[in-house]
N, C-alpha and C. Protein backbone atom coordinates (compact mmCIF):
# COMPACT_ATOMS: atom_id res chain seq x y z
N UNK A 1 -28.11 90.49 -38.65
CA UNK A 1 -26.73 90.29 -39.34
C UNK A 1 -26.49 88.78 -38.56
N UNK A 2 -25.75 88.20 -38.87
CA UNK A 2 -25.40 86.69 -38.25
C UNK A 2 -23.75 87.44 -37.46
N UNK A 3 -23.94 87.03 -36.26
CA UNK A 3 -22.84 87.46 -35.14
C UNK A 3 -21.42 86.37 -35.57
N UNK A 4 -20.39 87.08 -36.04
CA UNK A 4 -19.06 86.60 -35.94
C UNK A 4 -18.38 86.06 -34.89
N UNK A 5 -17.91 84.60 -34.96
CA UNK A 5 -16.93 84.40 -33.73
C UNK A 5 -15.79 85.26 -33.68
N UNK A 6 -15.26 85.64 -32.50
CA UNK A 6 -14.15 86.34 -32.17
C UNK A 6 -13.05 85.80 -33.05
N UNK A 7 -11.99 86.61 -33.51
CA UNK A 7 -10.98 86.31 -34.26
C UNK A 7 -10.10 85.44 -33.33
N UNK A 8 -9.69 84.13 -33.91
CA UNK A 8 -8.63 83.17 -33.21
C UNK A 8 -7.29 82.90 -33.91
N UNK A 9 -6.50 83.75 -33.20
CA UNK A 9 -5.03 83.48 -33.82
C UNK A 9 -4.49 82.57 -34.22
N UNK A 10 -4.77 81.55 -33.47
CA UNK A 10 -4.19 79.92 -33.58
C UNK A 10 -4.77 79.52 -34.85
N UNK A 11 -6.27 79.50 -34.61
CA UNK A 11 -6.95 78.98 -36.03
C UNK A 11 -6.55 79.40 -37.25
N UNK A 12 -6.00 80.60 -37.23
CA UNK A 12 -5.69 81.52 -38.54
C UNK A 12 -4.39 80.98 -38.79
N UNK A 13 -3.35 80.57 -37.87
CA UNK A 13 -2.03 80.26 -38.18
C UNK A 13 -2.42 78.81 -38.88
N UNK A 14 -2.86 77.74 -38.21
CA UNK A 14 -3.29 76.44 -38.58
C UNK A 14 -3.62 76.30 -39.88
N UNK A 15 -4.46 77.40 -40.14
CA UNK A 15 -5.28 77.01 -41.53
C UNK A 15 -4.25 77.86 -42.54
N UNK A 16 -3.26 78.88 -42.35
CA UNK A 16 -2.39 79.03 -43.30
C UNK A 16 -1.38 78.05 -43.43
N UNK A 17 -0.74 77.56 -42.42
CA UNK A 17 -0.08 76.47 -42.48
C UNK A 17 -0.46 75.07 -43.30
N UNK A 18 -1.52 75.13 -42.70
CA UNK A 18 -2.38 73.94 -43.90
C UNK A 18 -2.49 74.15 -45.24
N UNK A 19 -2.84 75.35 -45.59
CA UNK A 19 -2.93 76.04 -46.94
C UNK A 19 -1.69 75.79 -47.85
N UNK A 20 -0.63 76.17 -47.17
CA UNK A 20 1.00 76.07 -47.43
C UNK A 20 1.19 74.68 -47.81
N UNK A 21 1.06 73.63 -46.79
CA UNK A 21 1.13 72.25 -46.82
C UNK A 21 0.44 71.83 -48.19
N UNK A 22 -0.70 72.15 -48.51
CA UNK A 22 -1.48 71.49 -49.56
C UNK A 22 -0.83 71.78 -50.92
N UNK A 23 0.24 72.76 -50.89
CA UNK A 23 0.70 73.13 -52.22
C UNK A 23 2.24 72.40 -52.47
N UNK A 24 2.54 71.79 -51.25
CA UNK A 24 3.89 71.16 -51.37
C UNK A 24 4.27 70.11 -52.43
N UNK A 25 5.16 69.96 -52.77
CA UNK A 25 5.50 68.75 -53.64
C UNK A 25 5.35 67.43 -53.42
N UNK A 26 5.33 67.34 -52.00
CA UNK A 26 4.90 65.94 -51.23
C UNK A 26 3.49 65.59 -51.54
N UNK A 27 2.79 66.67 -51.50
CA UNK A 27 1.21 66.30 -51.80
C UNK A 27 1.07 65.96 -53.10
N UNK A 28 1.66 66.52 -54.22
CA UNK A 28 1.50 66.36 -55.75
C UNK A 28 2.11 64.70 -55.87
N UNK A 29 3.32 64.57 -54.99
CA UNK A 29 3.85 63.13 -55.34
C UNK A 29 2.99 61.99 -54.92
N UNK A 30 1.99 62.11 -53.99
CA UNK A 30 1.07 61.13 -53.25
C UNK A 30 -0.07 61.16 -54.19
N UNK A 31 -0.28 62.33 -54.99
CA UNK A 31 -1.63 62.22 -55.74
C UNK A 31 -1.26 61.46 -57.04
N UNK A 32 -0.04 61.63 -57.45
CA UNK A 32 0.64 61.24 -58.91
C UNK A 32 0.75 59.84 -58.61
N UNK A 33 0.81 59.16 -57.65
CA UNK A 33 0.93 57.65 -57.41
C UNK A 33 -0.39 57.06 -57.80
N UNK A 34 -1.64 57.89 -57.34
CA UNK A 34 -2.77 56.94 -57.84
C UNK A 34 -3.68 57.78 -58.60
N UNK A 35 -3.15 58.33 -59.49
CA UNK A 35 -3.70 59.24 -60.73
C UNK A 35 -3.80 58.26 -61.81
N UNK A 36 -5.28 58.67 -62.63
CA UNK A 36 -5.20 57.78 -63.93
C UNK A 36 -6.18 59.02 -64.84
N UNK A 37 -6.00 58.86 -66.02
CA UNK A 37 -6.98 59.95 -66.90
C UNK A 37 -7.60 58.80 -67.67
N UNK A 38 -8.81 59.31 -67.83
CA UNK A 38 -10.02 58.66 -68.24
C UNK A 38 -10.52 59.55 -69.62
N UNK A 39 -10.66 58.66 -70.68
CA UNK A 39 -11.10 59.61 -71.82
C UNK A 39 -12.45 60.39 -71.71
N UNK A 40 -12.41 61.38 -72.06
CA UNK A 40 -13.75 62.27 -72.06
C UNK A 40 -14.31 62.32 -73.62
N UNK A 41 -15.76 62.56 -73.60
CA UNK A 41 -16.28 62.63 -74.98
C UNK A 41 -17.15 63.80 -74.91
N UNK A 42 -17.21 64.59 -76.12
CA UNK A 42 -18.14 65.73 -76.30
C UNK A 42 -19.42 65.49 -76.11
N UNK A 43 -20.52 66.20 -76.56
CA UNK A 43 -22.02 65.81 -76.53
C UNK A 43 -22.10 65.21 -77.93
N UNK A 44 -21.21 65.61 -79.15
CA UNK A 44 -21.42 64.70 -80.46
C UNK A 44 -21.04 63.47 -80.34
N UNK A 45 -20.26 63.14 -79.28
CA UNK A 45 -19.56 61.59 -79.56
C UNK A 45 -18.03 61.66 -79.74
N UNK A 46 -17.61 62.65 -80.02
CA UNK A 46 -16.28 63.13 -80.54
C UNK A 46 -15.34 62.98 -79.02
N UNK A 47 -14.00 62.55 -79.24
CA UNK A 47 -13.34 62.61 -78.20
C UNK A 47 -12.83 64.16 -77.69
N UNK A 48 -12.90 64.44 -76.49
CA UNK A 48 -12.46 65.67 -75.86
C UNK A 48 -11.11 65.73 -75.90
N UNK A 49 -10.47 67.28 -76.02
CA UNK A 49 -9.04 67.19 -76.15
C UNK A 49 -8.32 67.06 -74.68
N UNK A 50 -9.16 67.23 -73.84
CA UNK A 50 -8.25 67.07 -72.41
C UNK A 50 -9.20 65.43 -71.90
N UNK A 51 -8.42 64.86 -71.35
CA UNK A 51 -8.98 63.67 -70.58
C UNK A 51 -9.27 63.99 -69.26
N UNK A 52 -10.29 63.29 -68.33
CA UNK A 52 -10.63 63.84 -67.07
C UNK A 52 -9.45 62.77 -66.13
N UNK A 53 -9.52 63.89 -64.98
CA UNK A 53 -8.26 62.84 -64.01
C UNK A 53 -9.28 62.44 -62.82
N UNK A 54 -8.46 61.17 -62.73
CA UNK A 54 -9.37 60.44 -61.39
C UNK A 54 -8.20 59.77 -60.54
N UNK A 55 -8.65 59.89 -59.26
CA UNK A 55 -7.79 59.48 -58.13
C UNK A 55 -8.34 58.35 -57.31
N UNK A 56 -7.42 57.39 -56.74
CA UNK A 56 -8.02 56.57 -56.36
C UNK A 56 -8.00 56.33 -54.81
N UNK A 57 -8.96 56.22 -54.15
CA UNK A 57 -9.01 56.46 -52.86
C UNK A 57 -8.44 55.20 -51.82
N UNK A 58 -7.60 55.45 -51.01
CA UNK A 58 -6.82 54.38 -50.42
C UNK A 58 -7.55 53.76 -49.37
N UNK A 59 -8.71 54.53 -48.75
CA UNK A 59 -9.50 53.62 -47.81
C UNK A 59 -10.55 53.10 -48.20
N UNK A 60 -11.32 53.54 -49.28
CA UNK A 60 -12.38 52.44 -50.14
C UNK A 60 -12.23 51.92 -51.32
N UNK A 61 -10.84 52.56 -52.22
CA UNK A 61 -10.48 51.88 -53.21
C UNK A 61 -11.49 52.02 -54.35
N UNK A 62 -12.54 53.37 -54.35
CA UNK A 62 -12.91 54.04 -55.09
C UNK A 62 -12.19 54.96 -56.17
N UNK A 63 -12.62 55.01 -57.27
CA UNK A 63 -11.94 56.23 -58.17
C UNK A 63 -12.81 57.31 -58.10
N UNK A 64 -12.16 58.48 -58.06
CA UNK A 64 -13.04 59.79 -57.59
C UNK A 64 -12.62 60.69 -58.40
N UNK A 65 -13.27 61.82 -58.80
CA UNK A 65 -12.69 62.98 -59.81
C UNK A 65 -11.75 63.60 -58.93
N UNK A 66 -11.23 64.94 -59.58
CA UNK A 66 -10.11 65.43 -59.10
C UNK A 66 -10.39 66.42 -57.91
N UNK A 67 -11.87 66.93 -58.01
CA UNK A 67 -12.36 67.86 -57.15
C UNK A 67 -12.92 67.27 -55.89
N UNK A 68 -12.91 65.98 -55.54
CA UNK A 68 -13.62 65.52 -54.52
C UNK A 68 -12.49 64.20 -53.66
N UNK A 69 -11.07 64.97 -53.85
CA UNK A 69 -9.80 63.86 -53.32
C UNK A 69 -9.32 64.93 -52.36
N UNK A 70 -8.57 64.22 -51.55
CA UNK A 70 -7.95 65.03 -50.23
C UNK A 70 -6.62 64.23 -49.94
N UNK A 71 -5.67 64.79 -49.44
CA UNK A 71 -4.51 64.09 -49.13
C UNK A 71 -4.45 64.07 -47.64
N UNK A 72 -4.72 62.84 -46.93
CA UNK A 72 -4.55 63.00 -45.57
C UNK A 72 -3.29 62.50 -44.83
N UNK A 73 -2.95 63.02 -43.56
CA UNK A 73 -2.27 62.11 -42.71
C UNK A 73 -2.65 61.11 -42.40
N UNK A 74 -2.00 59.75 -42.32
CA UNK A 74 -2.24 58.62 -41.80
C UNK A 74 -2.43 58.84 -40.14
N UNK A 75 -1.22 59.39 -39.54
CA UNK A 75 -1.29 59.52 -38.07
C UNK A 75 -1.63 61.03 -38.17
N UNK A 76 -2.75 61.60 -37.52
CA UNK A 76 -2.93 62.79 -37.27
C UNK A 76 -2.10 63.52 -36.96
N UNK A 77 -1.82 64.99 -37.52
CA UNK A 77 -1.35 66.18 -37.11
C UNK A 77 -1.06 66.33 -35.72
N UNK A 78 -2.31 66.44 -35.30
CA UNK A 78 -2.83 66.62 -33.61
C UNK A 78 -2.98 65.50 -33.24
N UNK A 79 -2.48 64.97 -32.20
CA UNK A 79 -2.64 63.53 -31.66
C UNK A 79 -4.07 63.47 -31.08
N UNK A 80 -4.80 62.34 -31.15
CA UNK A 80 -5.95 62.47 -30.53
C UNK A 80 -5.89 62.30 -29.19
N UNK A 81 -4.79 61.68 -28.61
CA UNK A 81 -4.94 61.35 -27.02
C UNK A 81 -4.04 62.87 -26.29
N UNK A 82 -3.26 63.11 -26.88
CA UNK A 82 -2.42 64.21 -26.37
C UNK A 82 -2.87 65.72 -26.57
N UNK A 83 -3.56 65.79 -27.93
CA UNK A 83 -3.80 67.24 -28.46
C UNK A 83 -3.01 68.15 -28.96
N UNK A 84 -2.72 69.19 -28.96
CA UNK A 84 -2.18 70.39 -29.30
C UNK A 84 -0.89 70.51 -28.34
N UNK A 85 0.34 70.31 -28.77
CA UNK A 85 1.59 70.40 -27.78
C UNK A 85 2.03 71.76 -28.07
N UNK A 86 2.83 71.76 -29.26
CA UNK A 86 3.39 73.31 -29.62
C UNK A 86 3.52 73.33 -30.94
N UNK A 87 4.05 74.34 -31.58
CA UNK A 87 4.04 74.82 -32.97
C UNK A 87 4.85 73.86 -33.61
N UNK A 88 6.30 73.73 -32.97
CA UNK A 88 7.18 73.02 -33.54
C UNK A 88 6.85 71.42 -34.08
N UNK A 89 5.98 70.82 -33.09
CA UNK A 89 5.60 69.55 -33.44
C UNK A 89 4.67 69.60 -34.47
N UNK A 90 3.40 70.59 -34.49
CA UNK A 90 2.50 70.99 -35.49
C UNK A 90 2.96 70.82 -36.86
N UNK A 91 4.44 71.73 -36.94
CA UNK A 91 4.77 72.14 -38.05
C UNK A 91 5.51 70.61 -38.75
N UNK A 92 6.39 69.92 -37.85
CA UNK A 92 6.89 68.86 -38.03
C UNK A 92 6.29 67.65 -38.47
N UNK A 93 4.91 67.71 -37.51
CA UNK A 93 3.75 66.49 -38.10
C UNK A 93 3.04 66.91 -39.33
N UNK A 94 2.77 68.00 -39.48
CA UNK A 94 2.26 68.61 -40.79
C UNK A 94 3.08 68.30 -41.96
N UNK A 95 4.32 68.89 -41.99
CA UNK A 95 5.40 68.44 -43.31
C UNK A 95 6.29 67.16 -43.35
N UNK A 96 5.47 66.10 -43.14
CA UNK A 96 6.02 65.03 -43.17
C UNK A 96 6.23 64.45 -44.67
N UNK A 97 6.96 63.30 -44.45
CA UNK A 97 7.14 62.64 -45.62
C UNK A 97 5.95 61.71 -46.54
N UNK A 98 6.04 61.29 -47.65
CA UNK A 98 4.89 60.58 -48.33
C UNK A 98 4.56 59.26 -47.63
N UNK A 99 5.20 58.76 -46.61
CA UNK A 99 4.82 57.63 -46.35
C UNK A 99 3.81 57.78 -45.10
N UNK A 100 3.85 58.90 -44.75
CA UNK A 100 2.52 59.19 -43.59
C UNK A 100 1.27 59.68 -44.37
N UNK A 101 1.42 60.10 -45.67
CA UNK A 101 0.15 60.43 -46.37
C UNK A 101 -0.63 59.56 -47.47
N UNK A 102 -2.14 59.68 -47.31
CA UNK A 102 -2.67 58.83 -48.30
C UNK A 102 -3.77 59.99 -49.07
N UNK A 103 -3.95 59.26 -50.14
CA UNK A 103 -4.87 60.20 -51.13
C UNK A 103 -6.15 59.33 -50.75
N UNK A 104 -7.35 60.29 -50.21
CA UNK A 104 -8.53 59.55 -49.96
C UNK A 104 -9.60 60.43 -50.27
N UNK A 105 -10.86 59.94 -50.61
CA UNK A 105 -12.14 60.78 -51.20
C UNK A 105 -12.46 61.40 -50.08
N UNK A 106 -13.58 62.40 -50.51
CA UNK A 106 -13.90 63.38 -49.50
C UNK A 106 -14.79 62.61 -48.53
N UNK A 107 -15.74 61.73 -48.93
CA UNK A 107 -16.53 61.01 -47.95
C UNK A 107 -15.57 60.19 -46.90
N UNK A 108 -14.72 59.44 -47.49
CA UNK A 108 -13.77 59.00 -46.47
C UNK A 108 -12.87 59.77 -45.43
N UNK A 109 -12.70 60.67 -45.98
CA UNK A 109 -11.94 62.00 -45.29
C UNK A 109 -12.65 62.45 -44.25
N UNK A 110 -13.84 62.64 -44.45
CA UNK A 110 -14.99 63.57 -43.55
C UNK A 110 -15.24 62.37 -42.27
N UNK A 111 -15.36 61.25 -42.66
CA UNK A 111 -15.54 60.48 -41.93
C UNK A 111 -14.53 59.95 -40.86
N UNK A 112 -13.33 60.10 -41.50
CA UNK A 112 -12.02 59.72 -40.56
C UNK A 112 -11.50 61.10 -39.69
N UNK A 113 -12.12 62.30 -40.37
CA UNK A 113 -11.85 63.39 -39.60
C UNK A 113 -13.00 63.63 -38.24
N UNK A 114 -13.99 63.25 -38.92
CA UNK A 114 -15.30 63.07 -37.65
C UNK A 114 -15.12 62.20 -36.49
N UNK A 115 -14.36 61.14 -36.81
CA UNK A 115 -13.95 60.13 -35.75
C UNK A 115 -12.88 60.84 -35.09
N UNK A 116 -12.06 61.45 -35.38
CA UNK A 116 -10.77 61.80 -34.48
C UNK A 116 -11.47 63.00 -33.82
N UNK A 117 -12.23 63.87 -34.52
CA UNK A 117 -12.92 64.96 -33.58
C UNK A 117 -13.72 64.44 -32.38
N UNK A 118 -14.52 63.51 -32.65
CA UNK A 118 -15.41 62.73 -31.56
C UNK A 118 -14.37 62.35 -30.39
N UNK A 119 -13.28 61.66 -30.83
CA UNK A 119 -12.32 60.91 -29.74
C UNK A 119 -11.78 62.22 -29.19
N UNK A 120 -11.50 63.43 -29.68
CA UNK A 120 -10.82 64.32 -28.90
C UNK A 120 -11.74 65.04 -27.99
N UNK A 121 -13.07 65.13 -28.39
CA UNK A 121 -14.18 65.55 -27.49
C UNK A 121 -14.43 64.75 -26.32
N UNK A 122 -14.28 63.50 -26.58
CA UNK A 122 -14.97 62.62 -25.72
C UNK A 122 -13.66 62.79 -24.26
N UNK A 123 -12.60 62.76 -24.64
CA UNK A 123 -11.27 62.80 -23.71
C UNK A 123 -11.83 64.29 -23.20
N UNK A 124 -11.84 65.27 -23.92
CA UNK A 124 -11.92 66.80 -23.30
C UNK A 124 -13.16 66.82 -22.37
N UNK A 125 -14.40 66.28 -22.91
CA UNK A 125 -15.43 66.48 -21.94
C UNK A 125 -15.66 65.49 -20.73
N UNK A 126 -15.19 64.46 -20.90
CA UNK A 126 -14.74 63.42 -19.79
C UNK A 126 -14.12 64.18 -18.87
N UNK A 127 -12.78 64.90 -19.14
CA UNK A 127 -11.97 65.59 -18.29
C UNK A 127 -12.68 66.66 -17.50
N UNK A 128 -13.60 67.28 -18.31
CA UNK A 128 -14.23 68.72 -17.76
C UNK A 128 -15.33 67.96 -16.81
N UNK A 129 -16.12 66.97 -17.26
CA UNK A 129 -17.29 66.27 -16.19
C UNK A 129 -16.46 65.89 -14.95
N UNK A 130 -15.49 65.42 -15.19
CA UNK A 130 -14.59 64.97 -13.75
C UNK A 130 -14.32 65.90 -12.98
N UNK A 131 -13.82 67.00 -13.37
CA UNK A 131 -13.58 68.30 -12.55
C UNK A 131 -14.62 68.57 -11.80
N UNK A 132 -15.75 68.66 -12.52
CA UNK A 132 -17.13 69.13 -12.33
C UNK A 132 -17.38 68.23 -11.09
N UNK A 133 -17.40 66.67 -11.12
CA UNK A 133 -17.85 65.94 -10.20
C UNK A 133 -16.96 66.12 -8.93
N UNK A 134 -15.66 66.29 -9.01
CA UNK A 134 -14.78 66.55 -7.93
C UNK A 134 -15.35 67.74 -7.19
N UNK A 135 -15.53 68.91 -7.93
CA UNK A 135 -16.30 70.02 -7.30
C UNK A 135 -17.36 69.79 -6.17
N UNK A 136 -18.36 69.01 -6.91
CA UNK A 136 -19.48 68.44 -6.10
C UNK A 136 -18.97 67.69 -4.90
N UNK A 137 -18.25 66.71 -5.25
CA UNK A 137 -18.07 65.93 -4.03
C UNK A 137 -17.35 66.75 -2.93
N UNK A 138 -16.90 67.88 -3.09
CA UNK A 138 -16.10 68.74 -2.54
C UNK A 138 -17.29 69.65 -1.70
N UNK A 139 -18.45 69.54 -2.08
CA UNK A 139 -19.77 70.57 -1.64
C UNK A 139 -19.52 71.66 -2.38
N UNK A 140 -18.93 72.08 -3.52
CA UNK A 140 -18.82 73.13 -4.26
C UNK A 140 -19.78 73.24 -5.51
N UNK A 141 -21.05 73.75 -5.60
CA UNK A 141 -21.85 73.41 -6.83
C UNK A 141 -22.03 75.12 -7.30
N UNK A 142 -21.47 75.17 -8.20
CA UNK A 142 -21.10 76.55 -9.06
C UNK A 142 -22.72 77.11 -9.36
N UNK A 143 -22.74 78.35 -9.23
CA UNK A 143 -24.21 79.08 -9.47
C UNK A 143 -24.79 78.67 -11.03
N UNK A 144 -23.79 78.39 -11.85
CA UNK A 144 -24.19 78.31 -13.17
C UNK A 144 -24.23 76.73 -13.34
N UNK A 145 -24.37 76.02 -12.66
CA UNK A 145 -24.33 74.34 -12.95
C UNK A 145 -25.38 73.90 -14.03
N UNK A 146 -26.47 74.46 -13.97
CA UNK A 146 -27.47 73.93 -14.91
C UNK A 146 -26.92 74.13 -16.39
N UNK A 147 -26.61 75.69 -16.58
CA UNK A 147 -26.14 76.10 -17.86
C UNK A 147 -24.79 75.17 -18.37
N UNK A 148 -23.96 74.96 -17.36
CA UNK A 148 -22.71 74.18 -17.58
C UNK A 148 -23.04 72.70 -18.21
N UNK A 149 -23.82 72.02 -17.58
CA UNK A 149 -24.38 70.67 -17.74
C UNK A 149 -25.41 70.62 -18.75
N UNK A 150 -26.22 71.75 -18.95
CA UNK A 150 -26.96 71.59 -20.29
C UNK A 150 -25.99 71.74 -21.67
N UNK A 151 -24.77 72.18 -21.55
CA UNK A 151 -23.96 72.33 -22.69
C UNK A 151 -23.44 70.81 -23.15
N UNK A 152 -23.40 69.93 -22.23
CA UNK A 152 -23.22 68.30 -22.45
C UNK A 152 -24.17 67.85 -22.80
N UNK A 153 -25.47 68.23 -22.36
CA UNK A 153 -26.63 67.55 -22.42
C UNK A 153 -27.38 67.71 -24.01
N UNK A 154 -26.98 68.90 -24.50
CA UNK A 154 -27.05 69.39 -25.71
C UNK A 154 -26.55 68.49 -26.85
N UNK A 155 -25.39 67.85 -26.48
CA UNK A 155 -24.87 67.08 -27.46
C UNK A 155 -25.61 65.71 -27.86
N UNK A 156 -26.66 65.67 -27.68
CA UNK A 156 -27.31 64.22 -27.54
C UNK A 156 -27.51 63.90 -28.97
N UNK A 157 -27.65 64.71 -29.98
CA UNK A 157 -27.65 64.48 -31.39
C UNK A 157 -26.55 63.88 -32.08
N UNK A 158 -25.29 64.22 -31.39
CA UNK A 158 -24.03 64.15 -32.01
C UNK A 158 -23.67 62.30 -31.63
N UNK A 159 -23.39 61.86 -32.55
CA UNK A 159 -23.00 60.26 -32.39
C UNK A 159 -21.83 60.32 -32.04
N UNK A 160 -21.65 59.44 -30.99
CA UNK A 160 -20.33 58.81 -30.11
C UNK A 160 -20.53 59.61 -29.06
N UNK A 161 -21.08 60.54 -28.67
CA UNK A 161 -21.35 61.31 -27.28
C UNK A 161 -22.29 60.76 -26.53
N UNK A 162 -22.64 59.82 -26.79
CA UNK A 162 -24.13 59.32 -25.75
C UNK A 162 -23.35 59.20 -24.45
N UNK A 163 -22.09 58.47 -23.85
CA UNK A 163 -21.65 58.51 -22.52
C UNK A 163 -21.40 59.61 -21.89
N UNK A 164 -21.10 60.96 -22.55
CA UNK A 164 -20.79 61.97 -22.04
C UNK A 164 -22.43 62.52 -21.71
N UNK A 165 -23.21 62.51 -22.85
CA UNK A 165 -24.75 63.08 -22.33
C UNK A 165 -25.19 62.23 -21.07
N UNK A 166 -25.22 60.94 -21.19
CA UNK A 166 -25.69 60.06 -19.82
C UNK A 166 -24.73 60.70 -18.52
N UNK A 167 -23.29 60.72 -18.67
CA UNK A 167 -22.99 61.23 -17.43
C UNK A 167 -23.37 62.80 -16.88
N UNK A 168 -23.59 63.57 -17.78
CA UNK A 168 -23.93 64.86 -17.54
C UNK A 168 -25.20 65.08 -16.90
N UNK A 169 -26.04 63.95 -17.29
CA UNK A 169 -27.50 63.80 -17.03
C UNK A 169 -27.65 63.38 -15.53
N UNK A 170 -26.59 62.43 -15.22
CA UNK A 170 -26.56 61.66 -13.83
C UNK A 170 -26.14 62.85 -13.16
N UNK A 171 -25.17 63.51 -13.33
CA UNK A 171 -24.53 64.59 -12.32
C UNK A 171 -25.48 65.66 -12.10
N UNK A 172 -26.58 65.94 -13.39
CA UNK A 172 -27.85 66.78 -13.05
C UNK A 172 -28.90 66.32 -12.26
N UNK A 173 -29.00 65.07 -12.46
CA UNK A 173 -30.08 64.41 -11.52
C UNK A 173 -29.56 64.66 -9.80
N UNK A 174 -28.36 64.36 -9.61
CA UNK A 174 -27.78 64.13 -8.15
C UNK A 174 -28.03 65.43 -7.79
N UNK A 175 -27.67 66.50 -8.46
CA UNK A 175 -27.52 67.88 -7.90
C UNK A 175 -29.00 68.54 -7.54
N UNK A 176 -30.00 68.02 -8.58
CA UNK A 176 -31.19 68.45 -8.19
C UNK A 176 -31.84 67.59 -7.11
N UNK A 177 -31.42 66.40 -6.56
CA UNK A 177 -31.93 65.46 -5.56
C UNK A 177 -31.22 66.35 -4.27
N UNK A 178 -29.85 66.70 -4.45
CA UNK A 178 -29.32 67.03 -3.19
C UNK A 178 -29.77 68.80 -3.03
N UNK A 179 -30.08 69.20 -3.87
CA UNK A 179 -30.98 70.65 -3.75
C UNK A 179 -32.45 70.59 -3.59
N UNK A 180 -32.68 69.36 -3.73
CA UNK A 180 -34.38 69.36 -3.52
C UNK A 180 -35.04 70.18 -4.76
N UNK A 181 -34.46 69.87 -6.09
CA UNK A 181 -35.24 70.66 -7.10
C UNK A 181 -36.04 70.04 -7.77
N UNK A 182 -37.19 70.23 -8.21
CA UNK A 182 -38.10 69.23 -8.94
C UNK A 182 -37.69 69.27 -10.49
N UNK A 183 -37.54 68.30 -10.95
CA UNK A 183 -37.17 68.30 -12.46
C UNK A 183 -38.28 69.10 -13.03
N UNK A 184 -38.14 69.91 -14.37
CA UNK A 184 -39.16 70.09 -14.98
C UNK A 184 -39.72 69.00 -15.88
N UNK A 185 -41.02 69.00 -15.83
CA UNK A 185 -41.84 68.08 -16.58
C UNK A 185 -42.23 68.70 -18.01
N UNK A 186 -41.90 68.05 -19.21
CA UNK A 186 -42.27 68.38 -20.42
C UNK A 186 -43.53 67.79 -20.87
N UNK A 187 -44.14 68.67 -21.80
CA UNK A 187 -45.82 67.92 -22.03
C UNK A 187 -45.50 67.64 -23.45
């Protein structure tokens, strides 16, 4: 049986607020501006009763079906540099006007969200590794140093985190030299 992650109250609240926002009239207003109806035909060639609806992606300009479009905040709800501040700011930035919203296809939305996520992780991991380096400079090497550094080194397949992986490898080799450990050879 797959182990479930522990219940995260903040994630549940964020999800509920985002669901509520997705049903707001502002979202419908943004979608209506980039909407078109395209004739749909039956298998026998006759015109269907209902036309299909498509939306134009603001990022790539392509027309996409209604099930593959998202309304995205132009400036992120959670600032990449600052991170989460408080619930009042989150709600204020989430329920914004239509001037900060755009309709984009799922492909563009996933790429934008991924780049924001990587930028946040870079900042977070860089701060964590900096604190780790400061501990080492003070002569404090935690007993779990391998496990902690391997957490960052394991991110080598994540595009955009190459600098973090390199930094963690350098710290690990420095500690191994200091402690006189022999790095494990792979066959």
